[in-house]
Amino acid sequence: MTGKKMKYLRPPKGEYSERTLAVTRQLGYHNIFWSLALVDWVPMPGGSQEAYQSVMDNLHNGAVILLHAISRDNTEALDRIIKDAKAQGYTFKTLDDLVAKKS
């Protein structure tokens, strides 16, 4: 639909089996999992500050952060997360970079 070839797959809810991993690999996809995710599909009691603090408290080298686009809290916290993570010396990479590193 977008004219782009899809090459990455994030299993919904992170649920997978050896069979689904094998089938998706045979189809040429790279399965991508996250190391940091929030229960952010519902508003957080602490709003954007809670989203920000949850990410910053769990940030680590190599983190793959999953933030759902539907979350207003994430949207409001994202600019600050990026700026403060960069200020701590973290850099942001693409999935292409991650896959190339594993090869």
Protein backbone atom coordinates (compact mmCIF):
# COMPACT_ATOMS: atom_id res chain seq x y z
CA MET A 1 0.00 0.00 0.00
CA THR A 2 2.85 2.42 0.76
CA GLY A 3 5.11 1.35 -2.06
CA LYS A 4 7.70 0.22 0.49
CA LYS A 5 8.75 -3.35 1.15
CA MET A 6 8.18 -4.36 4.74
CA LYS A 7 11.21 -6.09 6.28
CA TYR A 8 10.57 -5.85 10.02
CA LEU A 9 7.92 -7.48 12.14
CA ARG A 10 7.00 -6.71 15.74
CA PRO A 11 4.89 -9.60 16.96
CA PRO A 12 1.71 -8.21 18.55
CA LYS A 13 2.05 -8.25 22.34
CA GLY A 14 5.49 -9.80 21.81
CA GLU A 15 3.89 -13.21 21.46
CA TYR A 16 5.65 -15.68 19.20
CA SER A 17 6.50 -19.33 18.78
CA GLU A 18 9.44 -21.10 17.19
CA ARG A 19 7.15 -21.80 14.23
CA THR A 20 6.14 -18.15 13.70
CA LEU A 21 9.78 -17.04 14.01
CA ALA A 22 10.84 -19.63 11.43
CA VAL A 23 8.01 -18.77 9.02
CA THR A 24 8.63 -15.03 9.21
CA ARG A 25 12.39 -15.56 8.76
CA GLN A 26 11.69 -17.70 5.68
CA LEU A 27 9.55 -14.85 4.33
CA GLY A 28 12.50 -12.50 4.77
CA TYR A 29 11.36 -10.56 7.83
CA HIS A 30 13.45 -9.58 10.83
CA ASN A 31 11.51 -10.03 14.06
CA ILE A 32 12.06 -7.04 16.31
CA PHE A 33 11.44 -7.10 20.04
CA TRP A 34 11.68 -4.31 22.56
CA SER A 35 13.49 -4.06 25.87
CA LEU A 36 11.45 -1.18 27.25
CA ALA A 37 7.70 -0.73 26.82
CA LEU A 38 4.98 1.09 28.68
CA VAL A 39 1.35 0.18 29.25
CA ASP A 40 0.55 3.30 27.32
CA TRP A 41 -2.51 2.45 25.29
CA VAL A 42 -4.58 3.90 28.16
CA PRO A 43 -3.93 7.31 29.74
CA MET A 44 -1.32 7.12 32.49
CA PRO A 45 -2.33 8.42 35.92
CA GLY A 46 0.79 10.63 35.96
CA GLY A 47 0.30 11.82 32.37
CA SER A 48 3.28 12.78 30.24
CA GLN A 49 5.53 13.09 33.30
CA GLU A 50 4.92 9.41 34.08
CA ALA A 51 5.68 8.42 30.47
CA TYR A 52 8.89 10.49 30.57
CA GLN A 53 10.03 9.15 33.94
CA SER A 54 9.24 5.53 33.05
CA VAL A 55 11.43 5.72 29.96
CA MET A 56 14.26 7.65 31.62
CA ASP A 57 14.32 5.36 34.69
CA ASN A 58 14.71 2.28 32.47
CA LEU A 59 16.95 3.63 29.72
CA HIS A 60 20.03 1.51 29.06
CA ASN A 61 22.61 0.89 26.35
CA GLY A 62 21.02 -1.00 23.47
CA ALA A 63 17.47 -0.24 24.57
CA VAL A 64 14.74 -0.71 22.01
CA ILE A 65 11.93 1.51 23.24
CA LEU A 66 8.34 0.75 22.29
CA LEU A 67 5.99 3.72 22.56
CA HIS A 68 2.54 3.40 21.05
CA ALA A 69 1.54 6.24 18.75
CA ILE A 70 -1.96 6.33 20.19
CA SER A 71 -0.70 7.65 23.54
CA ARG A 72 -1.09 11.38 24.10
CA ASP A 73 1.21 11.04 27.13
CA ASN A 74 3.99 9.66 24.89
CA THR A 75 3.44 12.39 22.33
CA GLU A 76 3.79 15.06 24.97
CA ALA A 77 6.85 13.42 26.56
CA LEU A 78 8.75 12.39 23.43
CA ASP A 79 10.62 15.64 22.71
CA ARG A 80 11.89 15.77 26.29
CA ILE A 81 12.81 12.06 26.28
CA ILE A 82 14.89 12.49 23.11
CA LYS A 83 16.63 15.65 24.31
CA ASP A 84 17.41 14.31 27.78
CA ALA A 85 18.57 10.91 26.48
CA LYS A 86 20.93 12.68 24.06
CA ALA A 87 22.16 14.90 26.92
CA GLN A 88 23.07 11.68 28.80
CA GLY A 89 25.13 10.56 25.81
CA TYR A 90 22.67 8.17 24.19
CA THR A 91 22.29 8.10 20.42
CA PHE A 92 19.39 6.92 18.32
CA LYS A 93 19.76 4.37 15.55
CA THR A 94 17.50 2.82 12.96
CA LEU A 95 16.38 -0.78 12.77
CA ASP A 96 18.62 -1.09 9.72
CA ASP A 97 21.58 -0.20 11.98
CA LEU A 98 20.50 -2.79 14.55
CA VAL A 99 20.15 -5.57 11.99
CA ALA A 100 23.47 -4.68 10.30
CA LYS A 101 25.22 -4.86 13.68
CA LYS A 102 23.88 -8.39 14.26
CA SER A 103 25.04 -9.60 10.82
